Amino acid sequence: MLAGLTGCGTEDAQQQDAREEVQKHLRTFEHDYLADEVNCTDAASTWFREVETDEFTCAVRRRGGGCDWFEVVVDRERLTVDVRLSERDAGCTVGF
């Protein structure tokens, strides 16, 4: 669950939580993906303040080369997180 833990480094807390959710989801597909190689979009922000973000896109490196994108959708009301494949071979860089 996206708990909003304080992150360190260049990831914001929500971005870190999204990455960890994707890594957890990928455990069943370990033969296809490098779960340590997940990069997600940043949380939304206004000026210098982070805003609660409900959707993230994460690029995940495939063992055979290239990356697939996964979508992370947070439903804070129902306290659920949905991780699903969004696009195959979409590129390894995310950042909108």
PDB file of N, CA and C in Angstrom:
ATOM      1  N   MET A   1       0.854  -1.178   0.000  1.00  0.00           N
ATOM      2  CA  MET A   1       0.000   0.000   0.000  1.00  0.00           C
ATOM      3  C   MET A   1       0.894   1.233   0.000  1.00  0.00           C
ATOM      4  N   LEU A   2       0.526   2.246  -0.681  1.00  0.00           N
ATOM      5  CA  LEU A   2       1.294   3.484  -0.702  1.00  0.00           C
ATOM      6  C   LEU A   2       1.117   4.197   0.621  1.00  0.00           C
ATOM      7  N   ALA A   3       2.136   4.155   1.424  1.00  0.00           N
ATOM      8  CA  ALA A   3       2.034   4.660   2.791  1.00  0.00           C
ATOM      9  C   ALA A   3       2.515   6.091   2.931  1.00  0.00           C
ATOM     10  N   GLY A   4       3.229   6.597   1.939  1.00  0.00           N
ATOM     11  CA  GLY A   4       3.732   7.960   2.049  1.00  0.00           C
ATOM     12  C   GLY A   4       4.947   8.038   2.954  1.00  0.00           C
ATOM     13  N   LEU A   5       5.800   7.030   2.910  1.00  0.00           N
ATOM     14  CA  LEU A   5       7.005   7.033   3.725  1.00  0.00           C
ATOM     15  C   LEU A   5       7.969   8.092   3.225  1.00  0.00           C
ATOM     16  N   THR A   6       8.793   8.565   4.095  1.00  0.00           N
ATOM     17  CA  THR A   6       9.768   9.569   3.706  1.00  0.00           C
ATOM     18  C   THR A   6      10.860   8.910   2.885  1.00  0.00           C
ATOM     19  N   GLY A   7      11.070   9.404   1.683  1.00  0.00           N
ATOM     20  CA  GLY A   7      12.069   8.828   0.802  1.00  0.00           C
ATOM     21  C   GLY A   7      13.412   9.525   0.960  1.00  0.00           C
ATOM     22  N   CYS A   8      14.440   8.925   0.375  1.00  0.00           N
ATOM     23  CA  CYS A   8      15.750   9.569   0.393  1.00  0.00           C
ATOM     24  C   CYS A   8      16.288   9.551  -1.022  1.00  0.00           C
ATOM     25  N   GLY A   9      17.314  10.289  -1.273  1.00  0.00           N
ATOM     26  CA  GLY A   9      17.851  10.359  -2.620  1.00  0.00           C
ATOM     27  C   GLY A   9      17.004  11.256  -3.495  1.00  0.00           C
ATOM     28  N   THR A  10      16.899  10.907  -4.773  1.00  0.00           N
ATOM     29  CA  THR A  10      16.176  11.758  -5.696  1.00  0.00           C
ATOM     30  C   THR A  10      14.709  11.365  -5.855  1.00  0.00           C
ATOM     31  N   GLU A  11      14.293  10.230  -5.304  1.00  0.00           N
ATOM     32  CA  GLU A  11      12.885   9.828  -5.383  1.00  0.00           C
ATOM     33  C   GLU A  11      12.070  10.547  -4.315  1.00  0.00           C
ATOM     34  N   ASP A  12      10.873  11.004  -4.686  1.00  0.00           N
ATOM     35  CA  ASP A  12       9.978  11.514  -3.645  1.00  0.00           C
ATOM     36  C   ASP A  12       9.293  10.305  -3.005  1.00  0.00           C
ATOM     37  N   ALA A  13       8.642  10.511  -1.868  1.00  0.00           N
ATOM     38  CA  ALA A  13       8.063   9.406  -1.092  1.00  0.00           C
ATOM     39  C   ALA A  13       7.009   8.636  -1.881  1.00  0.00           C
ATOM     40  N   GLN A  14       6.124   9.334  -2.579  1.00  0.00           N
ATOM     41  CA  GLN A  14       5.078   8.659  -3.341  1.00  0.00           C
ATOM     42  C   GLN A  14       5.663   7.885  -4.524  1.00  0.00           C
ATOM     43  N   GLN A  15       6.660   8.457  -5.153  1.00  0.00           N
ATOM     44  CA  GLN A  15       7.337   7.809  -6.270  1.00  0.00           C
ATOM     45  C   GLN A  15       8.020   6.521  -5.787  1.00  0.00           C
ATOM     46  N   GLN A  16       8.656   6.584  -4.638  1.00  0.00           N
ATOM     47  CA  GLN A  16       9.294   5.405  -4.063  1.00  0.00           C
ATOM     48  C   GLN A  16       8.259   4.319  -3.779  1.00  0.00           C
ATOM     49  N   ASP A  17       7.133   4.716  -3.200  1.00  0.00           N
ATOM     50  CA  ASP A  17       6.075   3.746  -2.907  1.00  0.00           C
ATOM     51  C   ASP A  17       5.539   3.105  -4.187  1.00  0.00           C
ATOM     52  N   ALA A  18       5.385   3.887  -5.248  1.00  0.00           N
ATOM     53  CA  ALA A  18       4.916   3.348  -6.532  1.00  0.00           C
ATOM     54  C   ALA A  18       5.927   2.338  -7.070  1.00  0.00           C
ATOM     55  N   ARG A  19       7.199   2.692  -7.021  1.00  0.00           N
ATOM     56  CA  ARG A  19       8.258   1.776  -7.485  1.00  0.00           C
ATOM     57  C   ARG A  19       8.211   0.464  -6.706  1.00  0.00           C
ATOM     58  N   GLU A  20       8.050   0.556  -5.386  1.00  0.00           N
ATOM     59  CA  GLU A  20       8.016  -0.653  -4.560  1.00  0.00           C
ATOM     60  C   GLU A  20       6.791  -1.515  -4.865  1.00  0.00           C
ATOM     61  N   GLU A  21       5.664  -0.879  -5.190  1.00  0.00           N
ATOM     62  CA  GLU A  21       4.462  -1.637  -5.571  1.00  0.00           C
ATOM     63  C   GLU A  21       4.692  -2.392  -6.877  1.00  0.00           C
ATOM     64  N   VAL A  22       5.350  -1.747  -7.840  1.00  0.00           N
ATOM     65  CA  VAL A  22       5.651  -2.418  -9.114  1.00  0.00           C
ATOM     66  C   VAL A  22       6.617  -3.568  -8.870  1.00  0.00           C
ATOM     67  N   GLN A  23       7.644  -3.342  -8.060  1.00  0.00           N
ATOM     68  CA  GLN A  23       8.601  -4.409  -7.773  1.00  0.00           C
ATOM     69  C   GLN A  23       7.905  -5.606  -7.113  1.00  0.00           C
ATOM     70  N   LYS A  24       6.987  -5.337  -6.207  1.00  0.00           N
ATOM     71  CA  LYS A  24       6.230  -6.412  -5.564  1.00  0.00           C
ATOM     72  C   LYS A  24       5.390  -7.160  -6.604  1.00  0.00           C
ATOM     73  N   HIS A  25       4.746  -6.422  -7.495  1.00  0.00           N
ATOM     74  CA  HIS A  25       3.925  -7.014  -8.555  1.00  0.00           C
ATOM     75  C   HIS A  25       4.767  -7.898  -9.478  1.00  0.00           C
ATOM     76  N   LEU A  26       6.000  -7.484  -9.746  1.00  0.00           N
ATOM     77  CA  LEU A  26       6.859  -8.194 -10.697  1.00  0.00           C
ATOM     78  C   LEU A  26       7.422  -9.496 -10.155  1.00  0.00           C
ATOM     79  N   ARG A  27       7.290  -9.750  -8.880  1.00  0.00           N
ATOM     80  CA  ARG A  27       7.848 -10.993  -8.311  1.00  0.00           C
ATOM     81  C   ARG A  27       7.322 -12.225  -9.038  1.00  0.00           C
ATOM     82  N   THR A  28       6.099 -12.161  -9.549  1.00  0.00           N
ATOM     83  CA  THR A  28       5.542 -13.312 -10.268  1.00  0.00           C
ATOM     84  C   THR A  28       6.059 -13.396 -11.708  1.00  0.00           C
ATOM     85  N   PHE A  29       6.746 -12.353 -12.172  1.00  0.00           N
ATOM     86  CA  PHE A  29       7.270 -12.315 -13.542  1.00  0.00           C
ATOM     87  C   PHE A  29       8.789 -12.161 -13.561  1.00  0.00           C
ATOM     88  N   GLU A  30       9.458 -12.620 -12.514  1.00  0.00           N
ATOM     89  CA  GLU A  30      10.897 -12.374 -12.382  1.00  0.00           C
ATOM     90  C   GLU A  30      11.710 -12.870 -13.564  1.00  0.00           C
ATOM     91  N   HIS A  31      11.241 -13.901 -14.247  1.00  0.00           N
ATOM     92  CA  HIS A  31      11.996 -14.413 -15.388  1.00  0.00           C
ATOM     93  C   HIS A  31      11.922 -13.463 -16.586  1.00  0.00           C
ATOM     94  N   ASP A  32      10.974 -12.537 -16.597  1.00  0.00           N
ATOM     95  CA  ASP A  32      10.804 -11.595 -17.708  1.00  0.00           C
ATOM     96  C   ASP A  32      11.421 -10.220 -17.458  1.00  0.00           C
ATOM     97  N   TYR A  33      11.512  -9.807 -16.187  1.00  0.00           N
ATOM     98  CA  TYR A  33      11.887  -8.430 -15.860  1.00  0.00           C
ATOM     99  C   TYR A  33      13.028  -8.364 -14.849  1.00  0.00           C
ATOM    100  N   LEU A  34      13.734  -7.259 -14.880  1.00  0.00           N
ATOM    101  CA  LEU A  34      14.753  -6.947 -13.876  1.00  0.00           C
ATOM    102  C   LEU A  34      14.090  -6.033 -12.848  1.00  0.00           C
ATOM    103  N   ALA A  35      13.568  -6.619 -11.785  1.00  0.00           N
ATOM    104  CA  ALA A  35      12.764  -5.871 -10.809  1.00  0.00           C
ATOM    105  C   ALA A  35      13.554  -4.765 -10.114  1.00  0.00           C
ATOM    106  N   ASP A  36      14.870  -4.840 -10.117  1.00  0.00           N
ATOM    107  CA  ASP A  36      15.682  -3.772  -9.509  1.00  0.00           C
ATOM    108  C   ASP A  36      15.791  -2.564 -10.428  1.00  0.00           C
ATOM    109  N   GLU A  37      15.350  -2.706 -11.676  1.00  0.00           N
ATOM    110  CA  GLU A  37      15.470  -1.634 -12.659  1.00  0.00           C
ATOM    111  C   GLU A  37      14.095  -1.064 -12.994  1.00  0.00           C
ATOM    112  N   VAL A  38      13.510  -0.376 -12.009  1.00  0.00           N
ATOM    113  CA  VAL A  38      12.185   0.245 -12.142  1.00  0.00           C
ATOM    114  C   VAL A  38      12.341   1.738 -11.887  1.00  0.00           C
ATOM    115  N   ASN A  39      11.856   2.556 -12.795  1.00  0.00           N
ATOM    116  CA  ASN A  39      11.878   4.014 -12.634  1.00  0.00           C
ATOM    117  C   ASN A  39      10.473   4.552 -12.868  1.00  0.00           C
ATOM    118  N   CYS A  40       9.988   5.367 -11.917  1.00  0.00           N
ATOM    119  CA  CYS A  40       8.614   5.877 -11.991  1.00  0.00           C
ATOM    120  C   CYS A  40       8.603   7.397 -12.095  1.00  0.00           C
ATOM    121  N   THR A  41       7.498   7.908 -12.640  1.00  0.00           N
ATOM    122  CA  THR A  41       7.316   9.354 -12.709  1.00  0.00           C
ATOM    123  C   THR A  41       7.221   9.934 -11.300  1.00  0.00           C
ATOM    124  N   ASP A  42       7.545  11.199 -11.179  1.00  0.00           N
ATOM    125  CA  ASP A  42       7.475  11.907  -9.891  1.00  0.00           C
ATOM    126  C   ASP A  42       6.027  12.138  -9.493  1.00  0.00           C
ATOM    127  N   ALA A  43       5.829  12.385  -8.194  1.00  0.00           N
ATOM    128  CA  ALA A  43       4.522  12.835  -7.712  1.00  0.00           C
ATOM    129  C   ALA A  43       4.277  14.241  -8.250  1.00  0.00           C
ATOM    130  N   ALA A  44       3.025  14.580  -8.398  1.00  0.00           N
ATOM    131  CA  ALA A  44       2.676  15.930  -8.845  1.00  0.00           C
ATOM    132  C   ALA A  44       3.089  16.943  -7.775  1.00  0.00           C
ATOM    133  N   SER A  45       3.320  18.158  -8.199  1.00  0.00           N
ATOM    134  CA  SER A  45       3.673  19.200  -7.232  1.00  0.00           C
ATOM    135  C   SER A  45       3.224  20.557  -7.750  1.00  0.00           C
ATOM    136  N   THR A  46       3.018  21.455  -6.813  1.00  0.00           N
ATOM    137  CA  THR A  46       2.741  22.845  -7.139  1.00  0.00           C
ATOM    138  C   THR A  46       3.792  23.666  -6.421  1.00  0.00           C
ATOM    139  N   TRP A  47       4.466  24.447  -7.169  1.00  0.00           N
ATOM    140  CA  TRP A  47       5.618  25.191  -6.673  1.00  0.00           C
ATOM    141  C   TRP A  47       6.569  24.221  -6.011  1.00  0.00           C
ATOM    142  N   PHE A  48       6.783  24.306  -4.722  1.00  0.00           N
ATOM    143  CA  PHE A  48       7.731  23.410  -4.064  1.00  0.00           C
ATOM    144  C   PHE A  48       7.027  22.449  -3.114  1.00  0.00           C
ATOM    145  N   ARG A  49       5.744  22.205  -3.352  1.00  0.00           N
ATOM    146  CA  ARG A  49       4.969  21.344  -2.458  1.00  0.00           C
ATOM    147  C   ARG A  49       4.448  20.142  -3.240  1.00  0.00           C
ATOM    148  N   GLU A  50       4.708  18.943  -2.693  1.00  0.00           N
ATOM    149  CA  GLU A  50       4.224  17.707  -3.297  1.00  0.00           C
ATOM    150  C   GLU A  50       2.718  17.599  -3.086  1.00  0.00           C
ATOM    151  N   VAL A  51       2.019  17.072  -4.091  1.00  0.00           N
ATOM    152  CA  VAL A  51       0.572  16.899  -4.058  1.00  0.00           C
ATOM    153  C   VAL A  51       0.275  15.400  -4.082  1.00  0.00           C
ATOM    154  N   GLU A  52      -0.780  14.973  -3.381  1.00  0.00           N
ATOM    155  CA  GLU A  52      -1.176  13.569  -3.441  1.00  0.00           C
ATOM    156  C   GLU A  52      -1.408  13.178  -4.889  1.00  0.00           C
ATOM    157  N   THR A  53      -0.750  12.123  -5.322  1.00  0.00           N
ATOM    158  CA  THR A  53      -0.800  11.703  -6.709  1.00  0.00           C
ATOM    159  C   THR A  53      -1.417  10.316  -6.780  1.00  0.00           C
ATOM    160  N   ASP A  54      -2.345  10.120  -7.714  1.00  0.00           N
ATOM    161  CA  ASP A  54      -3.074   8.856  -7.806  1.00  0.00           C
ATOM    162  C   ASP A  54      -2.626   7.967  -8.950  1.00  0.00           C
ATOM    163  N   GLU A  55      -1.807   8.475  -9.865  1.00  0.00           N
ATOM    164  CA  GLU A  55      -1.349   7.669 -10.992  1.00  0.00           C
ATOM    165  C   GLU A  55       0.132   7.910 -11.263  1.00  0.00           C
ATOM    166  N   PHE A  56       0.828   6.821 -11.496  1.00  0.00           N
ATOM    167  CA  PHE A  56       2.249   6.863 -11.836  1.00  0.00           C
ATOM    168  C   PHE A  56       2.475   5.958 -13.035  1.00  0.00           C
ATOM    169  N   THR A  57       3.474   6.274 -13.832  1.00  0.00           N
ATOM    170  CA  THR A  57       3.920   5.401 -14.902  1.00  0.00           C
ATOM    171  C   THR A  57       5.339   4.980 -14.563  1.00  0.00           C
ATOM    172  N   CYS A  58       5.594   3.677 -14.660  1.00  0.00           N
ATOM    173  CA  CYS A  58       6.911   3.147 -14.316  1.00  0.00           C
ATOM    174  C   CYS A  58       7.478   2.354 -15.487  1.00  0.00           C
ATOM    175  N   ALA A  59       8.716   2.644 -15.847  1.00  0.00           N
ATOM    176  CA  ALA A  59       9.427   1.889 -16.873  1.00  0.00           C
ATOM    177  C   ALA A  59      10.184   0.767 -16.182  1.00  0.00           C
ATOM    178  N   VAL A  60      10.037  -0.456 -16.720  1.00  0.00           N
ATOM    179  CA  VAL A  60      10.681  -1.628 -16.135  1.00  0.00           C
ATOM    180  C   VAL A  60      11.515  -2.302 -17.217  1.00  0.00           C
ATOM    181  N   ARG A  61      12.796  -2.505 -16.916  1.00  0.00           N
ATOM    182  CA  ARG A  61      13.697  -3.121 -17.899  1.00  0.00           C
ATOM    183  C   ARG A  61      13.388  -4.619 -18.027  1.00  0.00           C
ATOM    184  N   ARG A  62      13.268  -5.061 -19.283  1.00  0.00           N
ATOM    185  CA  ARG A  62      13.060  -6.482 -19.570  1.00  0.00           C
ATOM    186  C   ARG A  62      14.411  -7.191 -19.653  1.00  0.00           C
ATOM    187  N   ARG A  63      14.433  -8.431 -19.256  1.00  0.00           N
ATOM    188  CA  ARG A  63      15.680  -9.215 -19.303  1.00  0.00           C
ATOM    189  C   ARG A  63      16.231  -9.314 -20.733  1.00  0.00           C
ATOM    190  N   GLY A  64      15.370  -9.360 -21.719  1.00  0.00           N
ATOM    191  CA  GLY A  64      15.806  -9.479 -23.107  1.00  0.00           C
ATOM    192  C   GLY A  64      16.163  -8.152 -23.760  1.00  0.00           C
ATOM    193  N   GLY A  65      16.065  -7.052 -23.019  1.00  0.00           N
ATOM    194  CA  GLY A  65      16.363  -5.731 -23.562  1.00  0.00           C
ATOM    195  C   GLY A  65      15.103  -4.892 -23.698  1.00  0.00           C
ATOM    196  N   GLY A  66      15.252  -3.600 -23.655  1.00  0.00           N
ATOM    197  CA  GLY A  66      14.124  -2.681 -23.734  1.00  0.00           C
ATOM    198  C   GLY A  66      13.353  -2.607 -22.430  1.00  0.00           C
ATOM    199  N   CYS A  67      12.287  -1.841 -22.443  1.00  0.00           N
ATOM    200  CA  CYS A  67      11.483  -1.647 -21.236  1.00  0.00           C
ATOM    201  C   CYS A  67       9.998  -1.653 -21.570  1.00  0.00           C
ATOM    202  N   ASP A  68       9.206  -2.138 -20.620  1.00  0.00           N
ATOM    203  CA  ASP A  68       7.756  -2.039 -20.678  1.00  0.00           C
ATOM    204  C   ASP A  68       7.321  -1.013 -19.648  1.00  0.00           C
ATOM    205  N   TRP A  69       6.197  -0.374 -19.907  1.00  0.00           N
ATOM    206  CA  TRP A  69       5.649   0.591 -18.947  1.00  0.00           C
ATOM    207  C   TRP A  69       4.498  -0.041 -18.181  1.00  0.00           C
ATOM    208  N   PHE A  70       4.488   0.193 -16.883  1.00  0.00           N
ATOM    209  CA  PHE A  70       3.417  -0.242 -16.007  1.00  0.00           C
ATOM    210  C   PHE A  70       2.733   0.982 -15.427  1.00  0.00           C
ATOM    211  N   GLU A  71       1.437   0.883 -15.264  1.00  0.00           N
ATOM    212  CA  GLU A  71       0.650   1.961 -14.667  1.00  0.00           C
ATOM    213  C   GLU A  71       0.321   1.574 -13.223  1.00  0.00           C
ATOM    214  N   VAL A  72       0.506   2.517 -12.311  1.00  0.00           N
ATOM    215  CA  VAL A  72       0.163   2.329 -10.902  1.00  0.00           C
ATOM    216  C   VAL A  72      -0.973   3.293 -10.594  1.00  0.00           C
ATOM    217  N   VAL A  73      -2.126   2.752 -10.167  1.00  0.00           N
ATOM    218  CA  VAL A  73      -3.285   3.576  -9.844  1.00  0.00           C
ATOM    219  C   VAL A  73      -3.618   3.377  -8.370  1.00  0.00           C
ATOM    220  N   VAL A  74      -3.653   4.486  -7.643  1.00  0.00           N
ATOM    221  CA  VAL A  74      -3.912   4.463  -6.208  1.00  0.00           C
ATOM    222  C   VAL A  74      -5.339   4.933  -5.961  1.00  0.00           C
ATOM    223  N   ASP A  75      -6.106   4.111  -5.255  1.00  0.00           N
ATOM    224  CA  ASP A  75      -7.453   4.501  -4.838  1.00  0.00           C
ATOM    225  C   ASP A  75      -7.409   4.683  -3.327  1.00  0.00           C
ATOM    226  N   ARG A  76      -7.217   5.923  -2.900  1.00  0.00           N
ATOM    227  CA  ARG A  76      -7.049   6.207  -1.474  1.00  0.00           C
ATOM    228  C   ARG A  76      -8.330   5.965  -0.681  1.00  0.00           C
ATOM    229  N   GLU A  77      -9.477   6.103  -1.336  1.00  0.00           N
ATOM    230  CA  GLU A  77     -10.759   5.880  -0.668  1.00  0.00           C
ATOM    231  C   GLU A  77     -10.935   4.402  -0.322  1.00  0.00           C
ATOM    232  N   ARG A  78     -10.597   3.536  -1.268  1.00  0.00           N
ATOM    233  CA  ARG A  78     -10.733   2.094  -1.051  1.00  0.00           C
ATOM    234  C   ARG A  78      -9.468   1.469  -0.475  1.00  0.00           C
ATOM    235  N   LEU A  79      -8.401   2.276  -0.365  1.00  0.00           N
ATOM    236  CA  LEU A  79      -7.106   1.803   0.141  1.00  0.00           C
ATOM    237  C   LEU A  79      -6.556   0.655  -0.700  1.00  0.00           C
ATOM    238  N   THR A  80      -6.594   0.837  -2.024  1.00  0.00           N
ATOM    239  CA  THR A  80      -6.069  -0.172  -2.927  1.00  0.00           C
ATOM    240  C   THR A  80      -5.067   0.439  -3.893  1.00  0.00           C
ATOM    241  N   VAL A  81      -4.211  -0.418  -4.408  1.00  0.00           N
ATOM    242  CA  VAL A  81      -3.247  -0.031  -5.436  1.00  0.00           C
ATOM    243  C   VAL A  81      -3.343  -1.061  -6.546  1.00  0.00           C
ATOM    244  N   ASP A  82      -3.500  -0.595  -7.783  1.00  0.00           N
ATOM    245  CA  ASP A  82      -3.593  -1.474  -8.936  1.00  0.00           C
ATOM    246  C   ASP A  82      -2.367  -1.249  -9.810  1.00  0.00           C
ATOM    247  N   VAL A  83      -1.653  -2.326 -10.114  1.00  0.00           N
ATOM    248  CA  VAL A  83      -0.486  -2.267 -10.990  1.00  0.00           C
ATOM    249  C   VAL A  83      -0.804  -3.103 -12.214  1.00  0.00           C
ATOM    250  N   ARG A  84      -0.662  -2.493 -13.396  1.00  0.00           N
ATOM    251  CA  ARG A  84      -0.945  -3.258 -14.622  1.00  0.00           C
ATOM    252  C   ARG A  84      -0.021  -2.787 -15.753  1.00  0.00           C
ATOM    253  N   LEU A  85       0.230  -3.739 -16.654  1.00  0.00           N
ATOM    254  CA  LEU A  85       1.033  -3.433 -17.833  1.00  0.00           C
ATOM    255  C   LEU A  85       0.294  -2.398 -18.662  1.00  0.00           C
ATOM    256  N   SER A  86       0.991  -1.339 -19.008  1.00  0.00           N
ATOM    257  CA  SER A  86       0.379  -0.257 -19.763  1.00  0.00           C
ATOM    258  C   SER A  86       0.779  -0.321 -21.242  1.00  0.00           C
ATOM    259  N   GLU A  87       2.081  -0.523 -21.482  1.00  0.00           N
ATOM    260  CA  GLU A  87       2.563  -0.501 -22.863  1.00  0.00           C
ATOM    261  C   GLU A  87       3.852  -1.314 -22.976  1.00  0.00           C
ATOM    262  N   ARG A  88       3.898  -2.190 -23.950  1.00  0.00           N
ATOM    263  CA  ARG A  88       5.103  -3.004 -24.184  1.00  0.00           C
ATOM    264  C   ARG A  88       6.109  -2.226 -25.031  1.00  0.00           C
ATOM    265  N   ASP A  89       7.382  -2.453 -24.728  1.00  0.00           N
ATOM    266  CA  ASP A  89       8.499  -1.865 -25.477  1.00  0.00           C
ATOM    267  C   ASP A  89       8.298  -0.367 -25.700  1.00  0.00           C
ATOM    268  N   ALA A  90       7.986   0.324 -24.614  1.00  0.00           N
ATOM    269  CA  ALA A  90       7.640   1.750 -24.675  1.00  0.00           C
ATOM    270  C   ALA A  90       8.837   2.670 -24.469  1.00  0.00           C
ATOM    271  N   GLY A  91       9.978   2.130 -24.151  1.00  0.00           N
ATOM    272  CA  GLY A  91      11.148   2.949 -23.883  1.00  0.00           C
ATOM    273  C   GLY A  91      11.491   2.883 -22.412  1.00  0.00           C
ATOM    274  N   CYS A  92      12.705   3.246 -22.086  1.00  0.00           N
ATOM    275  CA  CYS A  92      13.189   3.090 -20.714  1.00  0.00           C
ATOM    276  C   CYS A  92      13.243   4.396 -19.934  1.00  0.00           C
ATOM    277  N   THR A  93      12.735   5.468 -20.507  1.00  0.00           N
ATOM    278  CA  THR A  93      12.739   6.753 -19.823  1.00  0.00           C
ATOM    279  C   THR A  93      11.316   7.241 -19.646  1.00  0.00           C
ATOM    280  N   VAL A  94      10.962   7.553 -18.386  1.00  0.00           N
ATOM    281  CA  VAL A  94       9.671   8.174 -18.098  1.00  0.00           C
ATOM    282  C   VAL A  94       9.960   9.501 -17.417  1.00  0.00           C
ATOM    283  N   GLY A  95       9.049  10.412 -17.528  1.00  0.00           N
ATOM    284  CA  GLY A  95       9.223  11.723 -16.919  1.00  0.00           C
ATOM    285  C   GLY A  95       8.447  12.738 -17.723  1.00  0.00           C
ATOM    286  N   PHE A  96       7.255  12.988 -17.287  1.00  0.00           N
ATOM    287  CA  PHE A  96       6.362  13.855 -18.039  1.00  0.00           C
ATOM    288  C   PHE A  96       6.407  15.251 -17.481  1.00  0.00           C
TER     289      PHE A  96
END
